[in-house]
């Protein structure tokens, strides 16, 4: 089913950019929470793609992937307490972020979207697909897991991820970026500097709130109930979320297909062209 792609209800002074590259950012109030929302407009209309980013990541981190994606409206937002979105008034769970996204889409006038989540954002995407199944047409899960019941990465990697230090200390990030993200970062740690340059840091609390949101959460009890066509994308050299997690989810989900990258955790960035082509092909399928 296709639908019109209405203009988002942003401030009167906002202009739609002439090019399809780059997000147009605006602060939008959703309930009691202000969100920094980014939209890359499409000239063709169609069903938009909603992005959920990884832990500690603001919207710009996936810009290479968005730029490589053929003309399609893309919507994303900084999670409360991350990037430029203010801190929330209270701790939240994944269901709370899924509800924020649902209310935001209602405000913007989008009745249905395709949903992509990477890493931590992949768990939110699963929750969104469960809670708002009519609003979620197709689902893309990149470098993610079904939650606490999973094939874990190395303990040393998990310990490094438990702290936001890599976002605060450039030298530390250069030393450990290959151990965390794998793939090309092992051979060229300097790529980490380019990756982290877009991070807009707010506080450690925002990072720990994201960790709290996923604590104890698992989709395994209901993953088999998700009926949306799903593309599961895994990196063969992913120290954070080993590819066995993707294979497990592929077995459990009734309408899923599996796509492999030879790179690491951030293949959406390091292999943006190939990843975008796979996503585009999947979304174009009837």
C-alpha atoms as a PDB file:
ATOM      1  CA  UNK A   1       0.000   0.000   0.000  1.00  0.00           C
ATOM      2  CA  UNK A   2       1.296   3.437  -0.879  1.00  0.00           C
ATOM      3  CA  UNK A   3       0.261   6.739   0.591  1.00  0.00           C
ATOM      4  CA  UNK A   4       0.950  10.431   0.065  1.00  0.00           C
ATOM      5  CA  UNK A   5       4.037  11.844   1.727  1.00  0.00           C
ATOM      6  CA  UNK A   6       2.726  15.051   3.350  1.00  0.00           C
ATOM      7  CA  UNK A   7       4.989  17.865   4.403  1.00  0.00           C
ATOM      8  CA  UNK A   8       5.844  17.671   8.118  1.00  0.00           C
ATOM      9  CA  UNK A   9       4.159  20.220  10.344  1.00  0.00           C
ATOM     10  CA  UNK A  10       7.239  22.154  11.338  1.00  0.00           C
ATOM     11  CA  UNK A  11       7.649  25.858  11.947  1.00  0.00           C
ATOM     12  CA  UNK A  12       6.451  28.237   9.212  1.00  0.00           C
ATOM     13  CA  UNK A  13       9.989  29.517   8.699  1.00  0.00           C
ATOM     14  CA  UNK A  14      11.432  26.117   7.816  1.00  0.00           C
ATOM     15  CA  UNK A  15      12.172  25.594   4.109  1.00  0.00           C
ATOM     16  CA  UNK A  16      12.216  22.315   2.275  1.00  0.00           C
ATOM     17  CA  UNK A  17      15.757  21.829   0.917  1.00  0.00           C
ATOM     18  CA  UNK A  18      16.103  21.468  -2.848  1.00  0.00           C
ATOM     19  CA  UNK A  19      18.495  18.509  -2.629  1.00  0.00           C
ATOM     20  CA  UNK A  20      17.814  15.069  -1.215  1.00  0.00           C
ATOM     21  CA  UNK A  21      21.073  15.012   0.751  1.00  0.00           C
ATOM     22  CA  UNK A  22      21.229  16.249   4.309  1.00  0.00           C
ATOM     23  CA  UNK A  23      18.716  16.496   7.133  1.00  0.00           C
ATOM     24  CA  UNK A  24      16.578  19.522   7.873  1.00  0.00           C
ATOM     25  CA  UNK A  25      16.612  19.835  11.670  1.00  0.00           C
ATOM     26  CA  UNK A  26      13.953  21.335  13.895  1.00  0.00           C
ATOM     27  CA  UNK A  27      13.098  21.202  17.589  1.00  0.00           C
ATOM     28  CA  UNK A  28       9.660  19.612  17.982  1.00  0.00           C
ATOM     29  CA  UNK A  29       7.694  19.271  21.216  1.00  0.00           C
ATOM     30  CA  UNK A  30       6.097  15.849  21.618  1.00  0.00           C
ATOM     31  CA  UNK A  31       3.985  15.782  24.756  1.00  0.00           C
ATOM     32  CA  UNK A  32       6.247  17.155  27.486  1.00  0.00           C
ATOM     33  CA  UNK A  33       9.468  16.249  25.672  1.00  0.00           C
ATOM     34  CA  UNK A  34      11.334  18.417  23.184  1.00  0.00           C
ATOM     35  CA  UNK A  35      13.076  16.435  20.440  1.00  0.00           C
ATOM     36  CA  UNK A  36      15.620  17.436  17.841  1.00  0.00           C
ATOM     37  CA  UNK A  37      14.056  15.960  14.720  1.00  0.00           C
ATOM     38  CA  UNK A  38      15.838  15.532  11.400  1.00  0.00           C
ATOM     39  CA  UNK A  39      14.029  14.963   8.097  1.00  0.00           C
ATOM     40  CA  UNK A  40      15.564  14.332   4.722  1.00  0.00           C
ATOM     41  CA  UNK A  41      12.797  15.182   2.281  1.00  0.00           C
ATOM     42  CA  UNK A  42      12.062  13.246  -0.879  1.00  0.00           C
ATOM     43  CA  UNK A  43      10.948  14.627  -4.213  1.00  0.00           C
ATOM     44  CA  UNK A  44       9.133  11.370  -5.015  1.00  0.00           C
ATOM     45  CA  UNK A  45       6.864  10.920  -1.999  1.00  0.00           C
ATOM     46  CA  UNK A  46       6.147   7.370  -0.883  1.00  0.00           C
ATOM     47  CA  UNK A  47       6.457   5.745   2.508  1.00  0.00           C
ATOM     48  CA  UNK A  48       9.145   7.361   4.720  1.00  0.00           C
ATOM     49  CA  UNK A  49      11.929   5.533   6.535  1.00  0.00           C
ATOM     50  CA  UNK A  50      12.183   6.068  10.299  1.00  0.00           C
ATOM     51  CA  UNK A  51      15.696   5.623  11.776  1.00  0.00           C
ATOM     52  CA  UNK A  52      16.576   4.671  15.355  1.00  0.00           C
ATOM     53  CA  UNK A  53      20.259   5.283  16.104  1.00  0.00           C
ATOM     54  CA  UNK A  54      22.703   3.403  18.326  1.00  0.00           C
ATOM     55  CA  UNK A  55      23.572   4.185  21.924  1.00  0.00           C
ATOM     56  CA  UNK A  56      25.048   7.639  22.426  1.00  0.00           C
ATOM     57  CA  UNK A  57      24.629   8.466  18.743  1.00  0.00           C
ATOM     58  CA  UNK A  58      22.924  11.551  17.398  1.00  0.00           C
ATOM     59  CA  UNK A  59      21.305  11.850  13.987  1.00  0.00           C
ATOM     60  CA  UNK A  60      24.424  12.838  12.006  1.00  0.00           C
ATOM     61  CA  UNK A  61      26.215   9.551  12.684  1.00  0.00           C
ATOM     62  CA  UNK A  62      24.197   7.739  10.003  1.00  0.00           C
ATOM     63  CA  UNK A  63      24.505  10.542   7.452  1.00  0.00           C
ATOM     64  CA  UNK A  64      26.749   8.509   5.068  1.00  0.00           C
ATOM     65  CA  UNK A  65      24.083   5.795   4.869  1.00  0.00           C
ATOM     66  CA  UNK A  66      21.274   8.308   4.371  1.00  0.00           C
ATOM     67  CA  UNK A  67      23.229  10.089   1.621  1.00  0.00           C
ATOM     68  CA  UNK A  68      23.732   6.766  -0.174  1.00  0.00           C
ATOM     69  CA  UNK A  69      20.057   5.819   0.044  1.00  0.00           C
ATOM     70  CA  UNK A  70      18.066   6.574  -3.140  1.00  0.00           C
ATOM     71  CA  UNK A  71      15.478   9.341  -2.982  1.00  0.00           C
ATOM     72  CA  UNK A  72      13.235   8.608   0.002  1.00  0.00           C
ATOM     73  CA  UNK A  73      12.018  10.660   2.944  1.00  0.00           C
ATOM     74  CA  UNK A  74      14.031   9.744   6.050  1.00  0.00           C
ATOM     75  CA  UNK A  75      13.022  10.725   9.594  1.00  0.00           C
ATOM     76  CA  UNK A  76      15.133  10.474  12.736  1.00  0.00           C
ATOM     77  CA  UNK A  77      15.463  12.164  16.112  1.00  0.00           C
ATOM     78  CA  UNK A  78      17.983  12.483  18.908  1.00  0.00           C
ATOM     79  CA  UNK A  79      16.930  10.322  21.855  1.00  0.00           C
ATOM     80  CA  UNK A  80      16.135  12.400  24.987  1.00  0.00           C
ATOM     81  CA  UNK A  81      19.414  13.223  26.733  1.00  0.00           C
ATOM     82  CA  UNK A  82      21.464  12.448  23.585  1.00  0.00           C
ATOM     83  CA  UNK A  83      22.705  14.896  20.960  1.00  0.00           C
ATOM     84  CA  UNK A  84      20.603  18.056  21.035  1.00  0.00           C
ATOM     85  CA  UNK A  85      17.421  16.613  22.574  1.00  0.00           C
ATOM     86  CA  UNK A  86      17.065  17.808  26.196  1.00  0.00           C
ATOM     87  CA  UNK A  87      17.175  15.393  29.092  1.00  0.00           C
ATOM     88  CA  UNK A  88      13.886  13.657  29.895  1.00  0.00           C
ATOM     89  CA  UNK A  89      12.085  14.462  33.120  1.00  0.00           C
ATOM     90  CA  UNK A  90      12.330  10.814  34.227  1.00  0.00           C
ATOM     91  CA  UNK A  91      13.994   7.543  33.195  1.00  0.00           C
ATOM     92  CA  UNK A  92      12.378   5.712  30.296  1.00  0.00           C
ATOM     93  CA  UNK A  93      12.108   2.235  28.817  1.00  0.00           C
ATOM     94  CA  UNK A  94      12.217   1.153  25.165  1.00  0.00           C
ATOM     95  CA  UNK A  95       8.428   1.243  25.030  1.00  0.00           C
ATOM     96  CA  UNK A  96       8.589   4.920  25.995  1.00  0.00           C
ATOM     97  CA  UNK A  97      10.892   5.751  23.068  1.00  0.00           C
ATOM     98  CA  UNK A  98       8.657   3.747  20.715  1.00  0.00           C
ATOM     99  CA  UNK A  99       5.671   5.764  21.939  1.00  0.00           C
ATOM    100  CA  UNK A 100       7.575   9.041  21.435  1.00  0.00           C
ATOM    101  CA  UNK A 101       8.259   8.024  17.836  1.00  0.00           C
ATOM    102  CA  UNK A 102       4.598   7.078  17.333  1.00  0.00           C
ATOM    103  CA  UNK A 103       3.377  10.438  18.651  1.00  0.00           C
ATOM    104  CA  UNK A 104       5.985  12.323  16.608  1.00  0.00           C
ATOM    105  CA  UNK A 105       4.855  10.606  13.400  1.00  0.00           C
ATOM    106  CA  UNK A 106       1.249  11.473  14.220  1.00  0.00           C
ATOM    107  CA  UNK A 107       2.205  15.126  14.665  1.00  0.00           C
ATOM    108  CA  UNK A 108       4.080  15.138  11.371  1.00  0.00           C
ATOM    109  CA  UNK A 109       1.153  13.522   9.575  1.00  0.00           C
ATOM    110  CA  UNK A 110       2.741  10.193   8.640  1.00  0.00           C
ATOM    111  CA  UNK A 111       0.298   7.288   8.881  1.00  0.00           C
ATOM    112  CA  UNK A 112       2.769   4.541   7.986  1.00  0.00           C
ATOM    113  CA  UNK A 113       6.552   4.181   7.864  1.00  0.00           C
ATOM    114  CA  UNK A 114       9.272   1.643   7.269  1.00  0.00           C
ATOM    115  CA  UNK A 115      11.557   1.350  10.305  1.00  0.00           C
ATOM    116  CA  UNK A 116      15.319   0.831  10.544  1.00  0.00           C
ATOM    117  CA  UNK A 117      17.201   0.449  13.813  1.00  0.00           C
ATOM    118  CA  UNK A 118      20.917  -0.061  14.317  1.00  0.00           C
ATOM    119  CA  UNK A 119      22.409  -1.647  17.456  1.00  0.00           C
ATOM    120  CA  UNK A 120      20.540  -0.174  20.483  1.00  0.00           C
ATOM    121  CA  UNK A 121      18.172   1.436  18.000  1.00  0.00           C
ATOM    122  CA  UNK A 122      17.388  -2.023  16.617  1.00  0.00           C
ATOM    123  CA  UNK A 123      15.837  -2.985  19.944  1.00  0.00           C
ATOM    124  CA  UNK A 124      13.655   0.136  19.832  1.00  0.00           C
ATOM    125  CA  UNK A 125      12.681  -0.764  16.265  1.00  0.00           C
ATOM    126  CA  UNK A 126      11.534  -4.205  17.425  1.00  0.00           C
ATOM    127  CA  UNK A 127       9.486  -2.625  20.212  1.00  0.00           C
ATOM    128  CA  UNK A 128       7.943  -0.133  17.782  1.00  0.00           C
ATOM    129  CA  UNK A 129       7.015  -2.926  15.343  1.00  0.00           C
ATOM    130  CA  UNK A 130       5.301  -4.775  18.169  1.00  0.00           C
ATOM    131  CA  UNK A 131       3.462  -1.838  19.750  1.00  0.00           C
ATOM    132  CA  UNK A 132       2.476  -0.030  16.524  1.00  0.00           C
ATOM    133  CA  UNK A 133       2.292  -2.835  13.997  1.00  0.00           C
ATOM    134  CA  UNK A 134      -0.150  -1.029  11.703  1.00  0.00           C
ATOM    135  CA  UNK A 135       2.147   1.987  11.522  1.00  0.00           C
ATOM    136  CA  UNK A 136       5.200  -0.157  10.728  1.00  0.00           C
ATOM    137  CA  UNK A 137       5.083  -1.557   7.184  1.00  0.00           C
ATOM    138  CA  UNK A 138       8.572  -3.093   6.931  1.00  0.00           C
ATOM    139  CA  UNK A 139      11.370  -3.566   9.457  1.00  0.00           C
ATOM    140  CA  UNK A 140      15.170  -3.426   9.069  1.00  0.00           C
ATOM    141  CA  UNK A 141      17.329  -4.600  11.977  1.00  0.00           C
ATOM    142  CA  UNK A 142      21.030  -3.781  11.627  1.00  0.00           C
ATOM    143  CA  UNK A 143      23.770  -5.080  13.946  1.00  0.00           C
ATOM    144  CA  UNK A 144      21.312  -5.663  16.772  1.00  0.00           C
ATOM    145  CA  UNK A 145      20.104  -8.349  19.178  1.00  0.00           C
ATOM    146  CA  UNK A 146      16.921  -9.658  20.784  1.00  0.00           C
ATOM    147  CA  UNK A 147      17.992  -8.132  24.107  1.00  0.00           C
ATOM    148  CA  UNK A 148      19.455  -9.603  27.265  1.00  0.00           C
ATOM    149  CA  UNK A 149      18.954 -13.192  26.054  1.00  0.00           C
ATOM    150  CA  UNK A 150      21.509 -13.117  23.276  1.00  0.00           C
ATOM    151  CA  UNK A 151      24.871 -14.350  22.041  1.00  0.00           C
ATOM    152  CA  UNK A 152      27.106 -11.883  23.899  1.00  0.00           C
ATOM    153  CA  UNK A 153      30.197 -10.185  22.585  1.00  0.00           C
ATOM    154  CA  UNK A 154      33.544 -10.406  24.339  1.00  0.00           C
ATOM    155  CA  UNK A 155      33.502  -9.326  27.977  1.00  0.00           C
ATOM    156  CA  UNK A 156      36.258  -6.791  27.310  1.00  0.00           C
ATOM    157  CA  UNK A 157      34.116  -5.229  24.556  1.00  0.00           C
ATOM    158  CA  UNK A 158      31.027  -5.107  26.761  1.00  0.00           C
ATOM    159  CA  UNK A 159      32.996  -3.385  29.524  1.00  0.00           C
ATOM    160  CA  UNK A 160      34.237  -0.747  27.080  1.00  0.00           C
ATOM    161  CA  UNK A 161      30.664  -0.142  25.917  1.00  0.00           C
ATOM    162  CA  UNK A 162      29.416   0.309  29.486  1.00  0.00           C
ATOM    163  CA  UNK A 163      31.039   3.743  29.602  1.00  0.00           C
ATOM    164  CA  UNK A 164      30.767   6.745  27.245  1.00  0.00           C
ATOM    165  CA  UNK A 165      34.505   7.408  27.589  1.00  0.00           C
ATOM    166  CA  UNK A 166      35.114   6.817  23.853  1.00  0.00           C
ATOM    167  CA  UNK A 167      32.991   9.888  23.114  1.00  0.00           C
ATOM    168  CA  UNK A 168      34.975  12.041  25.567  1.00  0.00           C
ATOM    169  CA  UNK A 169      38.609  10.966  25.161  1.00  0.00           C
ATOM    170  CA  UNK A 170      40.034  11.093  21.614  1.00  0.00           C
ATOM    171  CA  UNK A 171      43.185   9.133  22.440  1.00  0.00           C
ATOM    172  CA  UNK A 172      41.211   6.432  24.230  1.00  0.00           C
ATOM    173  CA  UNK A 173      38.792   6.184  21.306  1.00  0.00           C
ATOM    174  CA  UNK A 174      41.683   5.694  18.871  1.00  0.00           C
ATOM    175  CA  UNK A 175      43.088   2.869  21.016  1.00  0.00           C
ATOM    176  CA  UNK A 176      39.862   0.894  21.434  1.00  0.00           C
ATOM    177  CA  UNK A 177      37.780   1.701  18.344  1.00  0.00           C
ATOM    178  CA  UNK A 178      38.948  -1.436  16.510  1.00  0.00           C
ATOM    179  CA  UNK A 179      38.164  -3.652  19.495  1.00  0.00           C
ATOM    180  CA  UNK A 180      34.640  -2.230  19.749  1.00  0.00           C
ATOM    181  CA  UNK A 181      33.536  -1.844  16.137  1.00  0.00           C
ATOM    182  CA  UNK A 182      35.741  -4.364  14.326  1.00  0.00           C
ATOM    183  CA  UNK A 183      35.980  -4.372  10.525  1.00  0.00           C
ATOM    184  CA  UNK A 184      37.930  -1.554   8.904  1.00  0.00           C
ATOM    185  CA  UNK A 185      38.404   0.145  12.268  1.00  0.00           C
ATOM    186  CA  UNK A 186      40.871  -2.597  13.192  1.00  0.00           C
ATOM    187  CA  UNK A 187      43.079  -1.677  10.248  1.00  0.00           C
ATOM    188  CA  UNK A 188      42.559   2.067  10.397  1.00  0.00           C
ATOM    189  CA  UNK A 189      41.829   3.402  13.901  1.00  0.00           C
ATOM    190  CA  UNK A 190      41.935   6.972  12.570  1.00  0.00           C
ATOM    191  CA  UNK A 191      38.501   6.364  11.039  1.00  0.00           C
ATOM    192  CA  UNK A 192      37.209   6.573  14.595  1.00  0.00           C
ATOM    193  CA  UNK A 193      38.041  10.285  14.668  1.00  0.00           C
ATOM    194  CA  UNK A 194      35.839  10.838  11.605  1.00  0.00           C
ATOM    195  CA  UNK A 195      33.060   8.729  13.106  1.00  0.00           C
ATOM    196  CA  UNK A 196      33.024  10.550  16.456  1.00  0.00           C
ATOM    197  CA  UNK A 197      33.409  14.085  15.121  1.00  0.00           C
ATOM    198  CA  UNK A 198      29.636  14.399  14.720  1.00  0.00           C
ATOM    199  CA  UNK A 199      28.874  13.406  18.310  1.00  0.00           C
ATOM    200  CA  UNK A 200      27.213  16.209  20.237  1.00  0.00           C
ATOM    201  CA  UNK A 201      27.807  15.239  23.830  1.00  0.00           C
ATOM    202  CA  UNK A 202      25.356  16.230  26.552  1.00  0.00           C
ATOM    203  CA  UNK A 203      26.046  14.249  29.725  1.00  0.00           C
ATOM    204  CA  UNK A 204      26.945  10.836  31.034  1.00  0.00           C
ATOM    205  CA  UNK A 205      23.436  10.558  32.438  1.00  0.00           C
ATOM    206  CA  UNK A 206      21.899  10.523  28.953  1.00  0.00           C
ATOM    207  CA  UNK A 207      24.125   7.567  28.028  1.00  0.00           C
ATOM    208  CA  UNK A 208      23.283   5.660  31.209  1.00  0.00           C
ATOM    209  CA  UNK A 209      19.573   6.268  30.689  1.00  0.00           C
ATOM    210  CA  UNK A 210      19.876   4.417  27.386  1.00  0.00           C
ATOM    211  CA  UNK A 211      21.579   1.528  29.162  1.00  0.00           C
ATOM    212  CA  UNK A 212      18.815   1.498  31.765  1.00  0.00           C
ATOM    213  CA  UNK A 213      16.131   1.503  29.055  1.00  0.00           C
ATOM    214  CA  UNK A 214      17.323  -1.831  27.681  1.00  0.00           C
ATOM    215  CA  UNK A 215      18.165  -3.519  30.995  1.00  0.00           C
ATOM    216  CA  UNK A 216      16.163  -6.696  31.422  1.00  0.00           C
ATOM    217  CA  UNK A 217      14.464  -6.281  28.031  1.00  0.00           C
ATOM    218  CA  UNK A 218      14.082  -9.165  25.591  1.00  0.00           C
ATOM    219  CA  UNK A 219      12.060  -9.629  22.421  1.00  0.00           C
ATOM    220  CA  UNK A 220      12.513 -13.401  22.285  1.00  0.00           C
ATOM    221  CA  UNK A 221       9.117 -14.210  23.876  1.00  0.00           C
ATOM    222  CA  UNK A 222       7.253 -12.346  21.115  1.00  0.00           C
ATOM    223  CA  UNK A 223       9.662 -12.049  18.193  1.00  0.00           C
ATOM    224  CA  UNK A 224       7.827 -14.825  16.336  1.00  0.00           C
ATOM    225  CA  UNK A 225       4.655 -12.707  16.381  1.00  0.00           C
ATOM    226  CA  UNK A 226       6.120  -9.865  14.301  1.00  0.00           C
ATOM    227  CA  UNK A 227       4.549 -10.262  10.871  1.00  0.00           C
ATOM    228  CA  UNK A 228       6.248  -7.352   9.085  1.00  0.00           C
ATOM    229  CA  UNK A 229       8.637  -8.266   6.269  1.00  0.00           C
ATOM    230  CA  UNK A 230      12.033  -7.914   7.950  1.00  0.00           C
ATOM    231  CA  UNK A 231      15.587  -7.482   6.703  1.00  0.00           C
ATOM    232  CA  UNK A 232      18.168  -8.584   9.280  1.00  0.00           C
ATOM    233  CA  UNK A 233      21.623  -7.154   8.575  1.00  0.00           C
ATOM    234  CA  UNK A 234      24.736  -8.498  10.293  1.00  0.00           C
ATOM    235  CA  UNK A 235      28.442  -7.720  10.229  1.00  0.00           C
ATOM    236  CA  UNK A 236      30.693 -10.773  10.129  1.00  0.00           C
ATOM    237  CA  UNK A 237      33.348  -9.013  12.262  1.00  0.00           C
ATOM    238  CA  UNK A 238      31.040  -7.427  14.852  1.00  0.00           C
ATOM    239  CA  UNK A 239      32.506  -7.610  18.393  1.00  0.00           C
ATOM    240  CA  UNK A 240      29.440  -5.969  20.010  1.00  0.00           C
ATOM    241  CA  UNK A 241      26.631  -8.030  18.474  1.00  0.00           C
ATOM    242  CA  UNK A 242      28.058 -11.267  17.036  1.00  0.00           C
ATOM    243  CA  UNK A 243      26.324 -12.365  13.810  1.00  0.00           C
ATOM    244  CA  UNK A 244      24.871 -15.405  15.590  1.00  0.00           C
ATOM    245  CA  UNK A 245      22.258 -13.013  17.017  1.00  0.00           C
ATOM    246  CA  UNK A 246      21.071 -12.141  13.527  1.00  0.00           C
ATOM    247  CA  UNK A 247      20.864 -15.809  12.590  1.00  0.00           C
ATOM    248  CA  UNK A 248      18.818 -16.529  15.727  1.00  0.00           C
ATOM    249  CA  UNK A 249      16.382 -13.727  14.932  1.00  0.00           C
ATOM    250  CA  UNK A 250      16.180 -14.883  11.324  1.00  0.00           C
ATOM    251  CA  UNK A 251      15.085 -18.347  12.477  1.00  0.00           C
ATOM    252  CA  UNK A 252      12.483 -16.969  14.881  1.00  0.00           C
ATOM    253  CA  UNK A 253      10.853 -14.327  12.690  1.00  0.00           C
ATOM    254  CA  UNK A 254       8.305 -15.605  10.143  1.00  0.00           C
ATOM    255  CA  UNK A 255       8.961 -13.089   7.338  1.00  0.00           C
ATOM    256  CA  UNK A 256      12.671 -12.334   7.676  1.00  0.00           C
ATOM    257  CA  UNK A 257      15.612 -12.441   5.313  1.00  0.00           C
ATOM    258  CA  UNK A 258      19.289 -12.231   6.219  1.00  0.00           C
ATOM    259  CA  UNK A 259      21.985  -9.977   4.722  1.00  0.00           C
ATOM    260  CA  UNK A 260      25.691 -10.252   5.538  1.00  0.00           C
ATOM    261  CA  UNK A 261      28.421  -7.628   5.526  1.00  0.00           C
ATOM    262  CA  UNK A 262      32.066  -8.611   5.742  1.00  0.00           C
ATOM    263  CA  UNK A 263      32.733  -5.520   7.868  1.00  0.00           C
ATOM    264  CA  UNK A 264      32.075  -4.814  11.552  1.00  0.00           C
ATOM    265  CA  UNK A 265      29.415  -3.228  13.734  1.00  0.00           C
ATOM    266  CA  UNK A 266      29.118   0.023  11.763  1.00  0.00           C
ATOM    267  CA  UNK A 267      28.735  -1.399   8.259  1.00  0.00           C
ATOM    268  CA  UNK A 268      25.916   1.086   7.577  1.00  0.00           C
ATOM    269  CA  UNK A 269      28.635   3.766   7.699  1.00  0.00           C
ATOM    270  CA  UNK A 270      31.744   1.961   6.475  1.00  0.00           C
ATOM    271  CA  UNK A 271      29.885   0.175   3.649  1.00  0.00           C
ATOM    272  CA  UNK A 272      27.226   2.812   3.123  1.00  0.00           C
ATOM    273  CA  UNK A 273      26.728   2.216  -0.607  1.00  0.00           C
ATOM    274  CA  UNK A 274      26.303  -1.553  -0.339  1.00  0.00           C
ATOM    275  CA  UNK A 275      24.122  -1.273   2.781  1.00  0.00           C
ATOM    276  CA  UNK A 276      21.898   1.382   1.240  1.00  0.00           C
ATOM    277  CA  UNK A 277      21.513  -0.682  -1.936  1.00  0.00           C
ATOM    278  CA  UNK A 278      20.414  -3.717   0.106  1.00  0.00           C
ATOM    279  CA  UNK A 279      17.913  -1.649   2.084  1.00  0.00           C
ATOM    280  CA  UNK A 280      16.565   0.016  -1.054  1.00  0.00           C
ATOM    281  CA  UNK A 281      16.086  -3.341  -2.797  1.00  0.00           C
ATOM    282  CA  UNK A 282      14.284  -4.732   0.254  1.00  0.00           C
ATOM    283  CA  UNK A 283      11.980  -1.728   0.568  1.00  0.00           C
ATOM    284  CA  UNK A 284      11.115  -1.857  -3.136  1.00  0.00           C
ATOM    285  CA  UNK A 285       9.942  -5.454  -2.958  1.00  0.00           C
ATOM    286  CA  UNK A 286       6.141  -5.800  -3.034  1.00  0.00           C
END
